[in-house]
Amino acid sequence: MSKLTLEQAKKILHKHTTEEHLFTHAAAVSAAMGAMAEHFGEDKEHWQAIGYLHDVDFEKFPEEHCGHVRELLEPEGISAEDIDTIISHGWGLTKSDVKPETNCQKSLFAVDELTGIVHAYSLMRPEKFDGMSVKSLKKKFKDKRFAAKCNREVITKGAQDLGMDLNLLMELCIKGMQEHADELS
C-alpha cells in the first residue's frame, strides 16, 4: 500500500466535505504538519496529506467525529497506519480509540487546535501571517476569550507529549501556515 499523497487527500476530502471553512482548516493543519515533518526530518508531503484529511468524517458525523474514519478511508486504499494517525488526533476528545504515539500522531494532535488560534489571529492583522511572532501569538493564546473554541489544554498537552516547548510548537505552526498564506487568507 502506498503512502497517502496530498493530491489523494484533497480528492477524498472533497467526496465527504462541502463546507468551505472545513477546507480552510484542512489547509491550515496540512501546512502546520508540513513544518512539523521538516522539524522531525520526516516526509513533508505525507504529513501534509495526513493533516489535510484529518477531519474527513467531521461534516457528516460531527457528534461521532473520528468514529467513521476507517469506514470512509479503507475503501480508498488508505493504509491502516495512516487511518490510525488520523483517528489519533481525537484521543480523549472524540470517538478515537487510538492514542497518539508517533511524532506524526502527536504533531497532528498538537497542531489541530493551534492552527485555529494562529488563523484567527492572522485574520485580525492587516499583514495577516507576515511578521507574526510567537510573542504576540502567545498573548492571544493566553486570552481565553480569543478563538474561545480552540482548546488550549489540548495544545499544551500536545506540546508536552512531543517533548517540545510551546514556543517552538507555535513557531513551527506559524512557519508552516506562512508558507501557505495564499490558501488561508
N, C-alpha and C. Protein backbone atom coordinates (compact mmCIF):
# COMPACT_ATOMS: atom_id res chain seq x y z
N MET A 1 0.85 -1.18 0.00
CA MET A 1 0.00 0.00 0.00
C MET A 1 0.89 1.24 0.00
N SER A 2 0.61 2.17 -0.88
CA SER A 2 1.46 3.36 -0.99
C SER A 2 1.05 4.41 0.03
N LYS A 3 1.98 5.33 0.28
CA LYS A 3 1.72 6.42 1.22
C LYS A 3 0.67 7.35 0.66
N LEU A 4 -0.13 7.88 1.55
CA LEU A 4 -1.14 8.87 1.20
C LEU A 4 -0.45 10.12 0.65
N THR A 5 -0.95 10.61 -0.48
CA THR A 5 -0.39 11.83 -1.07
C THR A 5 -1.36 12.99 -0.84
N LEU A 6 -0.85 14.19 -0.96
CA LEU A 6 -1.68 15.37 -0.76
C LEU A 6 -2.78 15.45 -1.83
N GLU A 7 -2.44 15.11 -3.05
CA GLU A 7 -3.44 15.11 -4.12
C GLU A 7 -4.58 14.14 -3.81
N GLN A 8 -4.21 12.96 -3.35
CA GLN A 8 -5.19 11.94 -2.98
C GLN A 8 -6.06 12.44 -1.81
N ALA A 9 -5.42 13.03 -0.81
CA ALA A 9 -6.14 13.54 0.36
C ALA A 9 -7.18 14.59 -0.05
N LYS A 10 -6.79 15.47 -0.96
CA LYS A 10 -7.72 16.52 -1.41
C LYS A 10 -8.92 15.91 -2.13
N LYS A 11 -8.69 14.92 -2.98
CA LYS A 11 -9.79 14.26 -3.70
C LYS A 11 -10.74 13.58 -2.72
N ILE A 12 -10.17 12.89 -1.75
CA ILE A 12 -11.00 12.16 -0.78
C ILE A 12 -11.81 13.14 0.07
N LEU A 13 -11.19 14.20 0.56
CA LEU A 13 -11.91 15.15 1.41
C LEU A 13 -13.08 15.78 0.65
N HIS A 14 -12.88 16.06 -0.63
CA HIS A 14 -13.96 16.66 -1.43
C HIS A 14 -15.15 15.72 -1.60
N LYS A 15 -14.95 14.44 -1.44
CA LYS A 15 -16.06 13.47 -1.52
C LYS A 15 -16.95 13.54 -0.28
N HIS A 16 -16.38 13.98 0.85
CA HIS A 16 -17.09 13.89 2.12
C HIS A 16 -17.35 15.24 2.79
N THR A 17 -16.91 16.32 2.16
CA THR A 17 -16.99 17.64 2.79
C THR A 17 -17.46 18.67 1.77
N THR A 18 -18.31 19.60 2.24
CA THR A 18 -18.79 20.67 1.36
C THR A 18 -18.53 22.05 1.97
N GLU A 19 -18.37 22.12 3.29
CA GLU A 19 -18.27 23.41 3.96
C GLU A 19 -16.89 24.04 3.77
N GLU A 20 -16.88 25.27 3.26
CA GLU A 20 -15.64 25.97 2.92
C GLU A 20 -14.70 26.11 4.11
N HIS A 21 -15.24 26.41 5.29
CA HIS A 21 -14.38 26.59 6.47
C HIS A 21 -13.63 25.30 6.82
N LEU A 22 -14.20 24.15 6.49
CA LEU A 22 -13.52 22.88 6.76
C LEU A 22 -12.35 22.67 5.80
N PHE A 23 -12.48 23.17 4.58
CA PHE A 23 -11.35 23.09 3.63
C PHE A 23 -10.23 24.04 4.07
N THR A 24 -10.61 25.21 4.57
CA THR A 24 -9.60 26.15 5.07
C THR A 24 -8.87 25.55 6.26
N HIS A 25 -9.62 24.93 7.17
CA HIS A 25 -9.00 24.29 8.34
C HIS A 25 -8.09 23.14 7.89
N ALA A 26 -8.54 22.37 6.90
CA ALA A 26 -7.72 21.27 6.38
C ALA A 26 -6.40 21.80 5.83
N ALA A 27 -6.46 22.91 5.09
CA ALA A 27 -5.25 23.51 4.53
C ALA A 27 -4.34 24.03 5.63
N ALA A 28 -4.92 24.59 6.70
CA ALA A 28 -4.12 25.12 7.81
C ALA A 28 -3.39 23.99 8.54
N VAL A 29 -4.10 22.92 8.85
CA VAL A 29 -3.49 21.79 9.55
C VAL A 29 -2.45 21.12 8.65
N SER A 30 -2.75 21.02 7.38
CA SER A 30 -1.79 20.47 6.42
C SER A 30 -0.50 21.28 6.41
N ALA A 31 -0.64 22.59 6.38
CA ALA A 31 0.53 23.48 6.36
C ALA A 31 1.36 23.32 7.63
N ALA A 32 0.69 23.29 8.78
CA ALA A 32 1.40 23.12 10.05
C ALA A 32 2.08 21.76 10.11
N MET A 33 1.42 20.74 9.61
CA MET A 33 2.01 19.39 9.62
C MET A 33 3.25 19.32 8.73
N GLY A 34 3.26 20.09 7.65
CA GLY A 34 4.45 20.14 6.80
C GLY A 34 5.65 20.68 7.56
N ALA A 35 5.42 21.73 8.35
CA ALA A 35 6.50 22.31 9.16
C ALA A 35 6.94 21.33 10.25
N MET A 36 6.00 20.60 10.81
CA MET A 36 6.34 19.60 11.84
C MET A 36 7.18 18.48 11.22
N ALA A 37 6.82 18.05 10.02
CA ALA A 37 7.58 16.99 9.34
C ALA A 37 9.01 17.44 9.09
N GLU A 38 9.16 18.67 8.63
CA GLU A 38 10.51 19.20 8.40
C GLU A 38 11.31 19.21 9.71
N HIS A 39 10.67 19.62 10.78
CA HIS A 39 11.34 19.67 12.09
C HIS A 39 11.85 18.28 12.50
N PHE A 40 11.04 17.27 12.25
CA PHE A 40 11.40 15.90 12.65
C PHE A 40 12.16 15.13 11.57
N GLY A 41 12.43 15.79 10.43
CA GLY A 41 13.14 15.13 9.35
C GLY A 41 12.33 14.03 8.69
N GLU A 42 11.03 14.23 8.60
CA GLU A 42 10.13 13.23 8.02
C GLU A 42 9.62 13.68 6.64
N ASP A 43 8.78 12.87 6.04
CA ASP A 43 8.23 13.10 4.70
C ASP A 43 7.18 14.22 4.76
N LYS A 44 7.54 15.39 4.30
CA LYS A 44 6.69 16.58 4.40
C LYS A 44 5.35 16.39 3.70
N GLU A 45 5.36 15.92 2.46
CA GLU A 45 4.10 15.80 1.74
C GLU A 45 3.17 14.78 2.40
N HIS A 46 3.73 13.69 2.90
CA HIS A 46 2.90 12.68 3.56
C HIS A 46 2.23 13.26 4.81
N TRP A 47 3.00 13.98 5.62
CA TRP A 47 2.43 14.58 6.82
C TRP A 47 1.40 15.65 6.45
N GLN A 48 1.65 16.39 5.37
CA GLN A 48 0.67 17.39 4.91
C GLN A 48 -0.63 16.69 4.50
N ALA A 49 -0.51 15.57 3.83
CA ALA A 49 -1.69 14.81 3.39
C ALA A 49 -2.50 14.33 4.60
N ILE A 50 -1.81 13.83 5.61
CA ILE A 50 -2.48 13.40 6.85
C ILE A 50 -3.23 14.59 7.46
N GLY A 51 -2.55 15.72 7.54
CA GLY A 51 -3.17 16.93 8.10
C GLY A 51 -4.39 17.37 7.30
N TYR A 52 -4.29 17.29 6.00
CA TYR A 52 -5.39 17.74 5.14
C TYR A 52 -6.63 16.86 5.36
N LEU A 53 -6.43 15.59 5.56
CA LEU A 53 -7.53 14.63 5.61
C LEU A 53 -8.04 14.37 7.03
N HIS A 54 -7.46 15.01 8.04
CA HIS A 54 -7.74 14.62 9.42
C HIS A 54 -9.20 14.74 9.85
N ASP A 55 -9.96 15.63 9.26
CA ASP A 55 -11.37 15.79 9.64
C ASP A 55 -12.33 15.21 8.60
N VAL A 56 -11.90 14.15 7.93
CA VAL A 56 -12.67 13.58 6.81
C VAL A 56 -14.11 13.21 7.21
N ASP A 57 -14.34 12.82 8.44
CA ASP A 57 -15.70 12.41 8.83
C ASP A 57 -16.45 13.49 9.61
N PHE A 58 -15.84 14.66 9.80
CA PHE A 58 -16.42 15.67 10.69
C PHE A 58 -17.76 16.23 10.20
N GLU A 59 -17.86 16.58 8.94
CA GLU A 59 -19.09 17.21 8.45
C GLU A 59 -20.27 16.24 8.52
N LYS A 60 -20.05 14.99 8.13
CA LYS A 60 -21.14 14.01 8.13
C LYS A 60 -21.46 13.48 9.52
N PHE A 61 -20.47 13.42 10.40
CA PHE A 61 -20.65 12.81 11.72
C PHE A 61 -20.05 13.68 12.84
N PRO A 62 -20.51 14.93 12.99
CA PRO A 62 -19.87 15.81 13.98
C PRO A 62 -19.94 15.28 15.41
N GLU A 63 -21.01 14.56 15.75
CA GLU A 63 -21.16 14.02 17.10
C GLU A 63 -20.37 12.72 17.29
N GLU A 64 -19.93 12.12 16.20
CA GLU A 64 -19.18 10.86 16.26
C GLU A 64 -17.85 11.00 15.54
N HIS A 65 -17.30 12.21 15.57
CA HIS A 65 -16.05 12.52 14.87
C HIS A 65 -14.95 11.52 15.26
N CYS A 66 -14.22 11.07 14.28
CA CYS A 66 -13.15 10.06 14.36
C CYS A 66 -13.70 8.64 14.41
N GLY A 67 -14.99 8.49 14.64
CA GLY A 67 -15.59 7.15 14.71
C GLY A 67 -15.93 6.55 13.36
N HIS A 68 -15.83 7.35 12.30
CA HIS A 68 -16.19 6.86 10.96
C HIS A 68 -15.03 6.97 9.96
N VAL A 69 -13.86 7.30 10.46
CA VAL A 69 -12.70 7.49 9.58
C VAL A 69 -12.37 6.19 8.84
N ARG A 70 -12.34 5.08 9.58
CA ARG A 70 -11.99 3.79 8.96
C ARG A 70 -12.93 3.44 7.81
N GLU A 71 -14.24 3.56 8.04
CA GLU A 71 -15.20 3.16 7.01
C GLU A 71 -15.12 4.06 5.77
N LEU A 72 -14.68 5.32 5.95
CA LEU A 72 -14.55 6.22 4.80
C LEU A 72 -13.23 6.02 4.06
N LEU A 73 -12.17 5.67 4.77
CA LEU A 73 -10.84 5.62 4.15
C LEU A 73 -10.37 4.23 3.72
N GLU A 74 -10.84 3.18 4.37
CA GLU A 74 -10.41 1.83 3.95
C GLU A 74 -10.77 1.55 2.49
N PRO A 75 -12.00 1.90 2.02
CA PRO A 75 -12.34 1.66 0.61
C PRO A 75 -11.47 2.46 -0.36
N GLU A 76 -10.83 3.53 0.14
CA GLU A 76 -9.96 4.36 -0.69
C GLU A 76 -8.54 3.78 -0.78
N GLY A 77 -8.30 2.67 -0.06
CA GLY A 77 -6.98 2.05 -0.08
C GLY A 77 -5.96 2.73 0.81
N ILE A 78 -6.43 3.50 1.79
CA ILE A 78 -5.53 4.19 2.71
C ILE A 78 -5.02 3.17 3.73
N SER A 79 -3.74 3.23 4.03
CA SER A 79 -3.13 2.25 4.94
C SER A 79 -3.71 2.35 6.35
N ALA A 80 -3.69 1.24 7.06
CA ALA A 80 -4.17 1.20 8.45
C ALA A 80 -3.37 2.17 9.31
N GLU A 81 -2.08 2.30 9.04
CA GLU A 81 -1.22 3.22 9.80
C GLU A 81 -1.68 4.67 9.62
N ASP A 82 -1.96 5.06 8.38
CA ASP A 82 -2.42 6.43 8.12
C ASP A 82 -3.80 6.67 8.73
N ILE A 83 -4.67 5.68 8.65
CA ILE A 83 -6.01 5.79 9.26
C ILE A 83 -5.87 5.96 10.77
N ASP A 84 -5.02 5.15 11.39
CA ASP A 84 -4.80 5.27 12.84
C ASP A 84 -4.26 6.65 13.20
N THR A 85 -3.36 7.17 12.38
CA THR A 85 -2.80 8.50 12.65
C THR A 85 -3.90 9.55 12.62
N ILE A 86 -4.77 9.48 11.64
CA ILE A 86 -5.87 10.43 11.54
C ILE A 86 -6.81 10.30 12.74
N ILE A 87 -7.15 9.09 13.10
CA ILE A 87 -8.05 8.87 14.23
C ILE A 87 -7.43 9.37 15.53
N SER A 88 -6.11 9.26 15.66
CA SER A 88 -5.43 9.59 16.92
C SER A 88 -5.58 11.05 17.33
N HIS A 89 -5.89 11.95 16.39
CA HIS A 89 -5.98 13.37 16.78
C HIS A 89 -7.18 13.64 17.69
N GLY A 90 -8.09 12.69 17.77
CA GLY A 90 -9.25 12.86 18.64
C GLY A 90 -9.12 12.18 19.99
N TRP A 91 -7.93 11.66 20.29
CA TRP A 91 -7.73 10.92 21.53
C TRP A 91 -8.18 11.73 22.75
N GLY A 92 -9.08 11.13 23.53
CA GLY A 92 -9.57 11.78 24.74
C GLY A 92 -10.60 12.87 24.48
N LEU A 93 -10.91 13.14 23.21
CA LEU A 93 -11.82 14.22 22.85
C LEU A 93 -13.05 13.73 22.08
N THR A 94 -12.87 12.69 21.30
CA THR A 94 -13.93 12.19 20.42
C THR A 94 -13.99 10.66 20.51
N LYS A 95 -14.57 10.05 19.50
CA LYS A 95 -14.67 8.60 19.46
C LYS A 95 -13.37 7.95 18.95
N SER A 96 -12.26 8.44 19.41
CA SER A 96 -10.96 7.92 18.99
C SER A 96 -10.52 6.81 19.93
N ASP A 97 -10.10 5.71 19.34
CA ASP A 97 -9.57 4.61 20.15
C ASP A 97 -8.07 4.44 19.93
N VAL A 98 -7.46 5.44 19.32
CA VAL A 98 -6.02 5.38 19.01
C VAL A 98 -5.30 6.50 19.76
N LYS A 99 -4.42 6.11 20.68
CA LYS A 99 -3.63 7.08 21.42
C LYS A 99 -2.47 7.55 20.56
N PRO A 100 -2.22 8.86 20.50
CA PRO A 100 -1.07 9.35 19.72
C PRO A 100 0.25 8.83 20.30
N GLU A 101 0.99 8.08 19.49
CA GLU A 101 2.26 7.50 19.93
C GLU A 101 3.44 7.99 19.09
N THR A 102 3.24 8.13 17.78
CA THR A 102 4.33 8.53 16.88
C THR A 102 4.44 10.05 16.85
N ASN A 103 5.55 10.56 16.35
CA ASN A 103 5.70 12.01 16.22
C ASN A 103 4.64 12.60 15.30
N CYS A 104 4.27 11.87 14.26
CA CYS A 104 3.23 12.36 13.34
C CYS A 104 1.90 12.45 14.07
N GLN A 105 1.54 11.42 14.81
CA GLN A 105 0.28 11.42 15.55
C GLN A 105 0.26 12.52 16.61
N LYS A 106 1.33 12.64 17.36
CA LYS A 106 1.41 13.66 18.41
C LYS A 106 1.37 15.06 17.80
N SER A 107 2.01 15.23 16.65
CA SER A 107 2.01 16.54 15.97
C SER A 107 0.61 16.91 15.52
N LEU A 108 -0.11 15.95 14.95
CA LEU A 108 -1.47 16.21 14.49
C LEU A 108 -2.36 16.61 15.67
N PHE A 109 -2.23 15.89 16.77
CA PHE A 109 -2.98 16.20 17.98
C PHE A 109 -2.69 17.63 18.45
N ALA A 110 -1.43 18.01 18.42
CA ALA A 110 -0.99 19.32 18.93
C ALA A 110 -1.38 20.48 18.03
N VAL A 111 -1.24 20.33 16.72
CA VAL A 111 -1.45 21.48 15.83
C VAL A 111 -2.91 21.68 15.42
N ASP A 112 -3.74 20.68 15.55
CA ASP A 112 -5.13 20.79 15.12
C ASP A 112 -5.80 22.02 15.74
N GLU A 113 -5.75 22.13 17.05
CA GLU A 113 -6.36 23.27 17.74
C GLU A 113 -5.54 24.55 17.56
N LEU A 114 -4.22 24.42 17.58
CA LEU A 114 -3.35 25.59 17.49
C LEU A 114 -3.55 26.34 16.17
N THR A 115 -3.77 25.62 15.08
CA THR A 115 -3.97 26.30 13.79
C THR A 115 -5.18 27.23 13.85
N GLY A 116 -6.18 26.88 14.65
CA GLY A 116 -7.35 27.74 14.78
C GLY A 116 -7.00 29.08 15.38
N ILE A 117 -6.14 29.08 16.39
CA ILE A 117 -5.73 30.32 17.04
C ILE A 117 -4.84 31.14 16.09
N VAL A 118 -3.89 30.47 15.44
CA VAL A 118 -3.00 31.16 14.51
C VAL A 118 -3.81 31.78 13.37
N HIS A 119 -4.74 31.02 12.83
CA HIS A 119 -5.54 31.51 11.71
C HIS A 119 -6.42 32.69 12.14
N ALA A 120 -7.07 32.56 13.29
CA ALA A 120 -7.92 33.65 13.78
C ALA A 120 -7.10 34.92 13.99
N TYR A 121 -5.91 34.76 14.53
CA TYR A 121 -5.04 35.91 14.76
C TYR A 121 -4.63 36.55 13.43
N SER A 122 -4.33 35.72 12.43
CA SER A 122 -3.93 36.26 11.12
C SER A 122 -5.04 37.09 10.49
N LEU A 123 -6.28 36.69 10.72
CA LEU A 123 -7.42 37.39 10.12
C LEU A 123 -7.65 38.77 10.72
N MET A 124 -7.15 39.01 11.92
CA MET A 124 -7.34 40.32 12.54
C MET A 124 -6.15 41.25 12.33
N ARG A 125 -5.07 40.73 11.73
CA ARG A 125 -3.88 41.54 11.49
C ARG A 125 -3.87 42.05 10.05
N PRO A 126 -3.59 43.33 9.83
CA PRO A 126 -3.54 43.86 8.47
C PRO A 126 -2.52 43.11 7.60
N GLU A 127 -1.42 42.68 8.20
CA GLU A 127 -0.38 41.99 7.44
C GLU A 127 -0.56 40.47 7.44
N LYS A 128 -1.72 40.02 7.96
CA LYS A 128 -2.07 38.58 8.02
C LYS A 128 -0.97 37.77 8.72
N PHE A 129 -0.33 36.85 8.00
CA PHE A 129 0.70 35.99 8.60
C PHE A 129 2.08 36.65 8.62
N ASP A 130 2.30 37.62 7.74
CA ASP A 130 3.62 38.25 7.63
C ASP A 130 4.03 38.89 8.95
N GLY A 131 5.20 38.53 9.42
CA GLY A 131 5.76 39.14 10.62
C GLY A 131 5.10 38.68 11.92
N MET A 132 4.24 37.68 11.86
CA MET A 132 3.60 37.19 13.08
C MET A 132 4.67 36.59 13.99
N SER A 133 4.67 37.00 15.24
CA SER A 133 5.67 36.50 16.18
C SER A 133 5.04 35.57 17.20
N VAL A 134 5.85 34.70 17.75
CA VAL A 134 5.40 33.80 18.81
C VAL A 134 4.95 34.63 20.01
N LYS A 135 5.69 35.69 20.32
CA LYS A 135 5.36 36.53 21.48
C LYS A 135 3.95 37.11 21.37
N SER A 136 3.62 37.64 20.19
CA SER A 136 2.29 38.24 20.02
C SER A 136 1.21 37.16 19.98
N LEU A 137 1.53 36.01 19.38
CA LEU A 137 0.58 34.90 19.35
C LEU A 137 0.31 34.39 20.76
N LYS A 138 1.35 34.35 21.57
CA LYS A 138 1.20 33.85 22.93
C LYS A 138 0.25 34.73 23.75
N LYS A 139 0.25 36.04 23.48
CA LYS A 139 -0.70 36.93 24.16
C LYS A 139 -2.13 36.53 23.81
N LYS A 140 -2.36 36.23 22.54
CA LYS A 140 -3.70 35.81 22.11
C LYS A 140 -4.04 34.45 22.71
N PHE A 141 -3.05 33.58 22.78
CA PHE A 141 -3.23 32.24 23.34
C PHE A 141 -3.67 32.34 24.81
N LYS A 142 -3.10 33.28 25.54
CA LYS A 142 -3.42 33.43 26.97
C LYS A 142 -4.80 34.05 27.20
N ASP A 143 -5.32 34.76 26.19
CA ASP A 143 -6.65 35.36 26.28
C ASP A 143 -7.68 34.30 25.92
N LYS A 144 -8.31 33.73 26.92
CA LYS A 144 -9.26 32.61 26.71
C LYS A 144 -10.48 33.01 25.88
N ARG A 145 -10.76 34.30 25.80
CA ARG A 145 -11.91 34.75 25.00
C ARG A 145 -11.57 34.79 23.52
N PHE A 146 -10.29 34.89 23.19
CA PHE A 146 -9.87 34.93 21.79
C PHE A 146 -9.88 33.51 21.23
N ALA A 147 -10.54 33.31 20.09
CA ALA A 147 -10.67 31.98 19.50
C ALA A 147 -11.05 30.99 20.60
N ALA A 148 -12.12 31.32 21.30
CA ALA A 148 -12.53 30.62 22.51
C ALA A 148 -12.79 29.12 22.31
N LYS A 149 -13.15 28.71 21.10
CA LYS A 149 -13.44 27.30 20.86
C LYS A 149 -12.18 26.45 20.71
N CYS A 150 -11.03 27.09 20.59
CA CYS A 150 -9.76 26.35 20.45
C CYS A 150 -9.26 25.95 21.84
N ASN A 151 -9.13 24.67 22.05
CA ASN A 151 -8.81 24.11 23.35
C ASN A 151 -7.32 24.25 23.68
N ARG A 152 -7.03 25.19 24.58
CA ARG A 152 -5.63 25.45 24.97
C ARG A 152 -5.00 24.28 25.70
N GLU A 153 -5.81 23.54 26.48
CA GLU A 153 -5.28 22.38 27.21
C GLU A 153 -4.77 21.31 26.25
N VAL A 154 -5.49 21.10 25.16
CA VAL A 154 -5.08 20.12 24.15
C VAL A 154 -3.75 20.55 23.53
N ILE A 155 -3.63 21.83 23.21
CA ILE A 155 -2.40 22.35 22.60
C ILE A 155 -1.22 22.17 23.56
N THR A 156 -1.42 22.54 24.81
CA THR A 156 -0.37 22.42 25.81
C THR A 156 0.02 20.96 26.03
N LYS A 157 -0.99 20.09 26.12
CA LYS A 157 -0.71 18.66 26.29
C LYS A 157 0.01 18.12 25.06
N GLY A 158 -0.39 18.56 23.89
CA GLY A 158 0.25 18.12 22.65
C GLY A 158 1.73 18.48 22.63
N ALA A 159 2.04 19.69 23.03
CA ALA A 159 3.45 20.12 23.09
C ALA A 159 4.22 19.27 24.09
N GLN A 160 3.62 19.03 25.26
CA GLN A 160 4.26 18.20 26.28
C GLN A 160 4.50 16.79 25.78
N ASP A 161 3.50 16.20 25.12
CA ASP A 161 3.63 14.84 24.60
C ASP A 161 4.76 14.74 23.57
N LEU A 162 4.98 15.83 22.84
CA LEU A 162 6.07 15.87 21.86
C LEU A 162 7.42 16.15 22.52
N GLY A 163 7.39 16.52 23.80
CA GLY A 163 8.61 16.92 24.49
C GLY A 163 9.13 18.23 23.93
N MET A 164 8.18 19.08 23.52
CA MET A 164 8.51 20.31 22.80
C MET A 164 8.02 21.52 23.60
N ASP A 165 8.82 22.55 23.63
CA ASP A 165 8.41 23.81 24.23
C ASP A 165 7.24 24.38 23.43
N LEU A 166 6.26 24.94 24.12
CA LEU A 166 5.09 25.52 23.45
C LEU A 166 5.51 26.60 22.45
N ASN A 167 6.54 27.38 22.79
CA ASN A 167 7.01 28.42 21.87
C ASN A 167 7.48 27.83 20.55
N LEU A 168 8.19 26.71 20.61
CA LEU A 168 8.67 26.07 19.38
C LEU A 168 7.50 25.53 18.57
N LEU A 169 6.52 24.93 19.24
CA LEU A 169 5.34 24.43 18.54
C LEU A 169 4.64 25.59 17.82
N MET A 170 4.50 26.72 18.50
CA MET A 170 3.86 27.89 17.89
C MET A 170 4.68 28.40 16.71
N GLU A 171 5.99 28.44 16.89
CA GLU A 171 6.88 28.91 15.82
C GLU A 171 6.74 28.04 14.57
N LEU A 172 6.71 26.73 14.75
CA LEU A 172 6.59 25.81 13.61
C LEU A 172 5.22 25.95 12.95
N CYS A 173 4.19 26.11 13.76
CA CYS A 173 2.84 26.25 13.21
C CYS A 173 2.74 27.54 12.39
N ILE A 174 3.26 28.64 12.93
CA ILE A 174 3.26 29.91 12.19
C ILE A 174 4.04 29.75 10.88
N LYS A 175 5.23 29.16 10.96
CA LYS A 175 6.08 28.98 9.78
C LYS A 175 5.35 28.20 8.68
N GLY A 176 4.76 27.08 9.06
CA GLY A 176 4.03 26.27 8.08
C GLY A 176 2.89 27.03 7.45
N MET A 177 2.14 27.76 8.27
CA MET A 177 0.99 28.49 7.75
C MET A 177 1.42 29.70 6.93
N GLN A 178 2.54 30.32 7.26
CA GLN A 178 3.06 31.43 6.45
C GLN A 178 3.39 30.95 5.04
N GLU A 179 3.94 29.74 4.93
CA GLU A 179 4.29 29.18 3.62
C GLU A 179 3.06 28.95 2.74
N HIS A 180 1.89 28.87 3.36
CA HIS A 180 0.66 28.61 2.61
C HIS A 180 -0.35 29.73 2.83
N ALA A 181 0.14 30.93 3.10
CA ALA A 181 -0.73 32.06 3.43
C ALA A 181 -1.77 32.35 2.34
N ASP A 182 -1.40 32.14 1.08
CA ASP A 182 -2.33 32.41 -0.02
C ASP A 182 -3.58 31.52 0.07
N GLU A 183 -3.44 30.29 0.56
CA GLU A 183 -4.59 29.39 0.70
C GLU A 183 -5.43 29.72 1.93
N LEU A 184 -4.86 30.45 2.88
CA LEU A 184 -5.51 30.63 4.18
C LEU A 184 -6.06 32.02 4.40
N SER A 185 -5.80 32.96 3.50
CA SER A 185 -6.26 34.34 3.72
C SER A 185 -7.65 34.56 3.16
